[in-house]
Amino acid sequence: MFAVHVTSNTFWLLQSLMGQTTRGTLKTCTVGVSLASVVGIILLQPISLLFF
């Protein structure tokens, strides 16, 4: 989940909805997905310590 690939259908959908260039969409999506990955790791770490 860390990086968005240009071959993803979601990438092209977001580009058309946001009206950005390919480079701008890549920057925007990469920041958003990276943030979601970090938040997911932070939330799952305490849970994994409790159950495993």
PDB file of N, CA and C in Angstrom:
ATOM      1  N   MET A   1       0.818  -1.193   0.000  1.00  0.00           N
ATOM      2  CA  MET A   1       0.000   0.000   0.000  1.00  0.00           C
ATOM      3  C   MET A   1       0.864   1.261   0.000  1.00  0.00           C
ATOM      4  N   PHE A   2       2.151   1.108   0.102  1.00  0.00           N
ATOM      5  CA  PHE A   2       2.991   2.281   0.323  1.00  0.00           C
ATOM      6  C   PHE A   2       3.079   3.203  -0.890  1.00  0.00           C
ATOM      7  N   ALA A   3       3.075   2.684  -2.079  1.00  0.00           N
ATOM      8  CA  ALA A   3       3.193   3.541  -3.257  1.00  0.00           C
ATOM      9  C   ALA A   3       2.049   3.255  -4.230  1.00  0.00           C
ATOM     10  N   VAL A   4       1.602   4.291  -4.902  1.00  0.00           N
ATOM     11  CA  VAL A   4       0.539   4.159  -5.891  1.00  0.00           C
ATOM     12  C   VAL A   4       1.182   3.950  -7.251  1.00  0.00           C
ATOM     13  N   HIS A   5       0.722   2.958  -7.961  1.00  0.00           N
ATOM     14  CA  HIS A   5       1.276   2.677  -9.276  1.00  0.00           C
ATOM     15  C   HIS A   5       0.438   3.346 -10.348  1.00  0.00           C
ATOM     16  N   VAL A   6       1.104   3.805 -11.396  1.00  0.00           N
ATOM     17  CA  VAL A   6       0.430   4.494 -12.489  1.00  0.00           C
ATOM     18  C   VAL A   6      -0.480   3.530 -13.251  1.00  0.00           C
ATOM     19  N   THR A   7      -0.252   2.233 -13.106  1.00  0.00           N
ATOM     20  CA  THR A   7      -1.090   1.264 -13.806  1.00  0.00           C
ATOM     21  C   THR A   7      -2.392   0.978 -13.068  1.00  0.00           C
ATOM     22  N   SER A   8      -2.587   1.563 -11.901  1.00  0.00           N
ATOM     23  CA  SER A   8      -3.800   1.337 -11.121  1.00  0.00           C
ATOM     24  C   SER A   8      -4.969   2.142 -11.692  1.00  0.00           C
ATOM     25  N   ASN A   9      -6.127   1.508 -11.776  1.00  0.00           N
ATOM     26  CA  ASN A   9      -7.324   2.209 -12.242  1.00  0.00           C
ATOM     27  C   ASN A   9      -7.707   3.341 -11.296  1.00  0.00           C
ATOM     28  N   THR A  10      -7.478   3.149 -10.014  1.00  0.00           N
ATOM     29  CA  THR A  10      -7.802   4.175  -9.027  1.00  0.00           C
ATOM     30  C   THR A  10      -6.979   5.430  -9.262  1.00  0.00           C
ATOM     31  N   PHE A  11      -5.728   5.256  -9.642  1.00  0.00           N
ATOM     32  CA  PHE A  11      -4.859   6.399  -9.921  1.00  0.00           C
ATOM     33  C   PHE A  11      -5.447   7.268 -11.026  1.00  0.00           C
ATOM     34  N   TRP A  12      -5.863   6.649 -12.117  1.00  0.00           N
ATOM     35  CA  TRP A  12      -6.394   7.412 -13.250  1.00  0.00           C
ATOM     36  C   TRP A  12      -7.748   8.020 -12.918  1.00  0.00           C
ATOM     37  N   LEU A  13      -8.538   7.338 -12.102  1.00  0.00           N
ATOM     38  CA  LEU A  13      -9.816   7.899 -11.673  1.00  0.00           C
ATOM     39  C   LEU A  13      -9.594   9.145 -10.828  1.00  0.00           C
ATOM     40  N   LEU A  14      -8.660   9.064  -9.886  1.00  0.00           N
ATOM     41  CA  LEU A  14      -8.360  10.231  -9.060  1.00  0.00           C
ATOM     42  C   LEU A  14      -7.807  11.383  -9.888  1.00  0.00           C
ATOM     43  N   GLN A  15      -6.990  11.065 -10.890  1.00  0.00           N
ATOM     44  CA  GLN A  15      -6.439  12.119 -11.735  1.00  0.00           C
ATOM     45  C   GLN A  15      -7.552  12.865 -12.458  1.00  0.00           C
ATOM     46  N   SER A  16      -8.508  12.129 -13.012  1.00  0.00           N
ATOM     47  CA  SER A  16      -9.584  12.806 -13.742  1.00  0.00           C
ATOM     48  C   SER A  16     -10.509  13.571 -12.796  1.00  0.00           C
ATOM     49  N   LEU A  17     -10.735  13.035 -11.586  1.00  0.00           N
ATOM     50  CA  LEU A  17     -11.610  13.728 -10.641  1.00  0.00           C
ATOM     51  C   LEU A  17     -10.965  14.991 -10.079  1.00  0.00           C
ATOM     52  N   MET A  18      -9.648  14.952  -9.850  1.00  0.00           N
ATOM     53  CA  MET A  18      -8.957  16.108  -9.284  1.00  0.00           C
ATOM     54  C   MET A  18      -8.499  17.088 -10.349  1.00  0.00           C
ATOM     55  N   GLY A  19      -8.479  16.662 -11.606  1.00  0.00           N
ATOM     56  CA  GLY A  19      -8.067  17.545 -12.689  1.00  0.00           C
ATOM     57  C   GLY A  19      -6.597  17.920 -12.643  1.00  0.00           C
ATOM     58  N   GLN A  20      -5.762  17.011 -12.173  1.00  0.00           N
ATOM     59  CA  GLN A  20      -4.335  17.284 -12.058  1.00  0.00           C
ATOM     60  C   GLN A  20      -3.564  16.604 -13.181  1.00  0.00           C
ATOM     61  N   THR A  21      -2.296  16.971 -13.279  1.00  0.00           N
ATOM     62  CA  THR A  21      -1.402  16.284 -14.203  1.00  0.00           C
ATOM     63  C   THR A  21      -1.028  14.934 -13.597  1.00  0.00           C
ATOM     64  N   THR A  22      -0.389  14.105 -14.405  1.00  0.00           N
ATOM     65  CA  THR A  22       0.041  12.800 -13.908  1.00  0.00           C
ATOM     66  C   THR A  22       1.041  12.969 -12.777  1.00  0.00           C
ATOM     67  N   ARG A  23       1.965  13.898 -12.924  1.00  0.00           N
ATOM     68  CA  ARG A  23       2.977  14.139 -11.880  1.00  0.00           C
ATOM     69  C   ARG A  23       2.325  14.637 -10.589  1.00  0.00           C
ATOM     70  N   GLY A  24       1.383  15.552 -10.701  1.00  0.00           N
ATOM     71  CA  GLY A  24       0.697  16.079  -9.517  1.00  0.00           C
ATOM     72  C   GLY A  24      -0.120  15.013  -8.805  1.00  0.00           C
ATOM     73  N   THR A  25      -0.794  14.170  -9.582  1.00  0.00           N
ATOM     74  CA  THR A  25      -1.580  13.092  -8.992  1.00  0.00           C
ATOM     75  C   THR A  25      -0.678  12.081  -8.307  1.00  0.00           C
ATOM     76  N   LEU A  26       0.460  11.783  -8.907  1.00  0.00           N
ATOM     77  CA  LEU A  26       1.399  10.843  -8.296  1.00  0.00           C
ATOM     78  C   LEU A  26       1.899  11.365  -6.959  1.00  0.00           C
ATOM     79  N   LYS A  27       2.208  12.652  -6.894  1.00  0.00           N
ATOM     80  CA  LYS A  27       2.646  13.250  -5.629  1.00  0.00           C
ATOM     81  C   LYS A  27       1.530  13.200  -4.583  1.00  0.00           C
ATOM     82  N   THR A  28       0.328  13.588  -4.975  1.00  0.00           N
ATOM     83  CA  THR A  28      -0.798  13.627  -4.049  1.00  0.00           C
ATOM     84  C   THR A  28      -1.138  12.237  -3.518  1.00  0.00           C
ATOM     85  N   CYS A  29      -1.224  11.272  -4.419  1.00  0.00           N
ATOM     86  CA  CYS A  29      -1.593   9.909  -4.015  1.00  0.00           C
ATOM     87  C   CYS A  29      -0.505   9.268  -3.173  1.00  0.00           C
ATOM     88  N   THR A  30       0.758   9.512  -3.511  1.00  0.00           N
ATOM     89  CA  THR A  30       1.845   8.910  -2.751  1.00  0.00           C
ATOM     90  C   THR A  30       1.865   9.428  -1.319  1.00  0.00           C
ATOM     91  N   VAL A  31       1.631  10.710  -1.135  1.00  0.00           N
ATOM     92  CA  VAL A  31       1.584  11.279   0.222  1.00  0.00           C
ATOM     93  C   VAL A  31       0.406  10.695   1.000  1.00  0.00           C
ATOM     94  N   GLY A  32      -0.752  10.622   0.384  1.00  0.00           N
ATOM     95  CA  GLY A  32      -1.933  10.089   1.067  1.00  0.00           C
ATOM     96  C   GLY A  32      -1.795   8.623   1.445  1.00  0.00           C
ATOM     97  N   VAL A  33      -1.287   7.818   0.521  1.00  0.00           N
ATOM     98  CA  VAL A  33      -1.126   6.388   0.790  1.00  0.00           C
ATOM     99  C   VAL A  33      -0.024   6.161   1.823  1.00  0.00           C
ATOM    100  N   SER A  34       1.044   6.956   1.777  1.00  0.00           N
ATOM    101  CA  SER A  34       2.119   6.830   2.765  1.00  0.00           C
ATOM    102  C   SER A  34       1.606   7.165   4.155  1.00  0.00           C
ATOM    103  N   LEU A  35       0.816   8.210   4.256  1.00  0.00           N
ATOM    104  CA  LEU A  35       0.235   8.589   5.542  1.00  0.00           C
ATOM    105  C   LEU A  35      -0.698   7.497   6.068  1.00  0.00           C
ATOM    106  N   ALA A  36      -1.505   6.923   5.193  1.00  0.00           N
ATOM    107  CA  ALA A  36      -2.399   5.846   5.603  1.00  0.00           C
ATOM    108  C   ALA A  36      -1.612   4.623   6.067  1.00  0.00           C
ATOM    109  N   SER A  37      -0.489   4.345   5.426  1.00  0.00           N
ATOM    110  CA  SER A  37       0.348   3.204   5.828  1.00  0.00           C
ATOM    111  C   SER A  37       0.930   3.409   7.217  1.00  0.00           C
ATOM    112  N   VAL A  38       1.430   4.600   7.480  1.00  0.00           N
ATOM    113  CA  VAL A  38       2.026   4.891   8.788  1.00  0.00           C
ATOM    114  C   VAL A  38       0.968   4.839   9.887  1.00  0.00           C
ATOM    115  N   VAL A  39      -0.196   5.409   9.632  1.00  0.00           N
ATOM    116  CA  VAL A  39      -1.276   5.380  10.622  1.00  0.00           C
ATOM    117  C   VAL A  39      -1.707   3.941  10.878  1.00  0.00           C
ATOM    118  N   GLY A  40      -1.790   3.128   9.827  1.00  0.00           N
ATOM    119  CA  GLY A  40      -2.157   1.729   9.993  1.00  0.00           C
ATOM    120  C   GLY A  40      -1.165   0.964  10.843  1.00  0.00           C
ATOM    121  N   ILE A  41       0.118   1.195  10.630  1.00  0.00           N
ATOM    122  CA  ILE A  41       1.149   0.525  11.429  1.00  0.00           C
ATOM    123  C   ILE A  41       1.050   0.955  12.889  1.00  0.00           C
ATOM    124  N   ILE A  42       0.852   2.244  13.114  1.00  0.00           N
ATOM    125  CA  ILE A  42       0.758   2.756  14.479  1.00  0.00           C
ATOM    126  C   ILE A  42      -0.457   2.172  15.204  1.00  0.00           C
ATOM    127  N   LEU A  43      -1.577   2.032  14.506  1.00  0.00           N
ATOM    128  CA  LEU A  43      -2.783   1.485  15.129  1.00  0.00           C
ATOM    129  C   LEU A  43      -2.701  -0.027  15.347  1.00  0.00           C
ATOM    130  N   LEU A  44      -2.037  -0.736  14.465  1.00  0.00           N
ATOM    131  CA  LEU A  44      -1.976  -2.193  14.580  1.00  0.00           C
ATOM    132  C   LEU A  44      -0.887  -2.695  15.513  1.00  0.00           C
ATOM    133  N   GLN A  45       0.131  -1.907  15.764  1.00  0.00           N
ATOM    134  CA  GLN A  45       1.216  -2.342  16.640  1.00  0.00           C
ATOM    135  C   GLN A  45       0.734  -2.686  18.050  1.00  0.00           C
ATOM    136  N   PRO A  46      -0.031  -1.843  18.728  1.00  0.00           N
ATOM    137  CA  PRO A  46      -0.510  -2.218  20.071  1.00  0.00           C
ATOM    138  C   PRO A  46      -1.430  -3.441  20.041  1.00  0.00           C
ATOM    139  N   ILE A  47      -2.237  -3.570  19.016  1.00  0.00           N
ATOM    140  CA  ILE A  47      -3.129  -4.730  18.900  1.00  0.00           C
ATOM    141  C   ILE A  47      -2.314  -6.013  18.751  1.00  0.00           C
ATOM    142  N   SER A  48      -1.265  -5.967  17.948  1.00  0.00           N
ATOM    143  CA  SER A  48      -0.448  -7.168  17.757  1.00  0.00           C
ATOM    144  C   SER A  48       0.276  -7.555  19.040  1.00  0.00           C
ATOM    145  N   LEU A  49       0.628  -6.594  19.880  1.00  0.00           N
ATOM    146  CA  LEU A  49       1.273  -6.901  21.137  1.00  0.00           C
ATOM    147  C   LEU A  49       0.323  -7.566  22.131  1.00  0.00           C
ATOM    148  N   LEU A  50      -0.954  -7.229  22.030  1.00  0.00           N
ATOM    149  CA  LEU A  50      -1.943  -7.798  22.932  1.00  0.00           C
ATOM    150  C   LEU A  50      -2.338  -9.220  22.561  1.00  0.00           C
ATOM    151  N   PHE A  51      -2.405  -9.517  21.281  1.00  0.00           N
ATOM    152  CA  PHE A  51      -2.967 -10.792  20.851  1.00  0.00           C
ATOM    153  C   PHE A  51      -1.938 -11.807  20.365  1.00  0.00           C
ATOM    154  N   PHE A  52      -0.697 -11.397  20.122  1.00  0.00           N
ATOM    155  CA  PHE A  52       0.268 -12.361  19.581  1.00  0.00           C
ATOM    156  C   PHE A  52       1.478 -12.453  20.456  1.00  0.00           C
TER     157      PHE A  52
END
